[in-house]
């Protein structure tokens, strides 16, 4: 096929494909990742939790109640970090919703 004939055949096809393509969605605000310090602290707490659990293997009552208390405190700390991460995620979602609603209000005013 000659180039001119090929161009005549492909041009309408390209136009149809471009016209049928959906318009790109408006950019959604990207939620920031959780605080890397908080997620790092959580990972360290999980590692400490595992070490405390392993310290009990075959050594009942060797540490008195201190290992058990340390494990309980680490579990509590993990729960608190998780709660903080949930609150941060909820706050980020709330701000994203408010930004979306504000954008929606701006669009309605322009009409």
Protein backbone atom coordinates (compact mmCIF):
# COMPACT_ATOMS: atom_id res chain seq x y z
CA UNK A 1 0.00 0.00 0.00
CA UNK A 2 1.25 3.49 -0.79
CA UNK A 3 1.85 5.95 2.00
CA UNK A 4 -0.84 8.30 0.75
CA UNK A 5 -3.41 5.51 0.69
CA UNK A 6 -2.35 4.35 4.12
CA UNK A 7 -2.73 7.88 5.50
CA UNK A 8 -6.20 8.20 3.97
CA UNK A 9 -7.27 4.92 5.61
CA UNK A 10 -5.67 5.49 9.01
CA UNK A 11 -6.60 9.16 9.51
CA UNK A 12 -10.36 8.55 9.95
CA UNK A 13 -9.65 5.55 12.15
CA UNK A 14 -7.40 7.63 14.42
CA UNK A 15 -10.07 10.35 14.59
CA UNK A 16 -12.74 7.82 15.61
CA UNK A 17 -10.50 6.30 18.27
CA UNK A 18 -9.58 9.69 19.73
CA UNK A 19 -13.18 10.91 19.70
CA UNK A 20 -14.39 7.75 21.44
CA UNK A 21 -11.71 7.88 24.15
CA UNK A 22 -13.08 8.97 27.50
CA UNK A 23 -11.97 12.31 28.82
CA UNK A 24 -9.28 12.01 31.49
CA UNK A 25 -10.67 12.10 35.00
CA UNK A 26 -9.86 15.19 37.05
CA UNK A 27 -6.87 14.72 39.26
CA UNK A 28 -7.75 13.27 42.62
CA UNK A 29 -5.75 14.57 45.56
CA UNK A 30 -3.19 11.99 46.54
CA UNK A 31 -3.23 11.13 50.19
CA UNK A 32 0.19 11.43 51.75
CA UNK A 33 1.72 8.26 53.12
CA UNK A 34 1.71 7.85 56.87
CA UNK A 35 4.52 9.48 58.81
CA UNK A 36 7.60 7.35 58.11
CA UNK A 37 8.80 7.87 61.69
CA UNK A 38 5.55 6.50 63.10
CA UNK A 39 5.50 3.53 60.73
CA UNK A 40 9.17 2.87 61.53
CA UNK A 41 8.41 2.98 65.24
CA UNK A 42 5.57 0.51 64.70
CA UNK A 43 7.89 -1.87 62.84
CA UNK A 44 10.41 -1.63 65.70
CA UNK A 45 7.67 -2.36 68.24
CA UNK A 46 6.54 -5.42 66.28
CA UNK A 47 10.16 -6.65 66.21
CA UNK A 48 10.45 -6.06 69.96
CA UNK A 49 7.18 -7.92 70.48
CA UNK A 50 8.54 -10.93 68.59
CA UNK A 51 11.81 -10.88 70.56
CA UNK A 52 9.90 -10.74 73.85
CA UNK A 53 7.75 -13.69 72.78
CA UNK A 54 10.82 -15.71 71.81
CA UNK A 55 12.52 -14.87 75.12
CA UNK A 56 9.88 -16.98 76.87
CA UNK A 57 10.71 -20.16 74.97
CA UNK A 58 11.73 -22.78 77.53
CA UNK A 59 12.52 -20.22 80.24
CA UNK A 60 9.36 -19.96 82.28
CA UNK A 61 9.61 -17.52 85.17
CA UNK A 62 13.27 -16.75 84.41
CA UNK A 63 12.48 -13.05 84.05
CA UNK A 64 9.88 -12.84 86.78
CA UNK A 65 6.94 -10.82 85.56
CA UNK A 66 9.15 -8.31 83.74
CA UNK A 67 9.09 -9.98 80.31
CA UNK A 68 5.32 -10.35 80.52
CA UNK A 69 4.90 -6.71 81.58
CA UNK A 70 7.24 -5.55 78.80
CA UNK A 71 5.21 -7.54 76.27
CA UNK A 72 1.97 -6.00 77.54
CA UNK A 73 3.47 -2.50 77.29
CA UNK A 74 4.71 -3.16 73.76
CA UNK A 75 1.26 -4.46 72.77
CA UNK A 76 -0.28 -1.29 74.22
CA UNK A 77 2.23 0.87 72.35
CA UNK A 78 1.41 -0.91 69.07
CA UNK A 79 -2.29 -0.29 69.68
CA UNK A 80 -1.64 3.40 70.36
CA UNK A 81 0.48 3.79 67.20
CA UNK A 82 -2.25 2.06 65.17
CA UNK A 83 -4.84 4.44 66.65
CA UNK A 84 -2.68 7.43 65.72
CA UNK A 85 -2.25 6.15 62.16
CA UNK A 86 -6.02 5.65 61.87
CA UNK A 87 -6.67 9.19 63.09
CA UNK A 88 -4.13 10.58 60.62
CA UNK A 89 -5.75 8.61 57.77
CA UNK A 90 -9.23 9.78 58.79
CA UNK A 91 -8.03 13.39 58.92
CA UNK A 92 -6.42 13.11 55.48
CA UNK A 93 -9.64 11.61 54.08
CA UNK A 94 -11.69 14.40 55.66
CA UNK A 95 -9.45 17.06 54.11
CA UNK A 96 -9.65 15.35 50.72
CA UNK A 97 -13.46 15.26 50.97
CA UNK A 98 -13.57 18.94 51.92
CA UNK A 99 -11.30 19.85 49.00
CA UNK A 100 -13.50 17.85 46.63
CA UNK A 101 -16.64 19.54 47.97
CA UNK A 102 -15.03 22.97 47.64
CA UNK A 103 -14.11 22.19 44.04
CA UNK A 104 -17.66 21.02 43.40
CA UNK A 105 -19.05 24.27 44.84
CA UNK A 106 -16.72 26.29 42.59
CA UNK A 107 -17.95 24.40 39.55
CA UNK A 108 -21.60 25.02 40.50
CA UNK A 109 -20.93 28.76 40.92
CA UNK A 110 -19.38 28.96 37.44
CA UNK A 111 -22.55 27.61 35.84
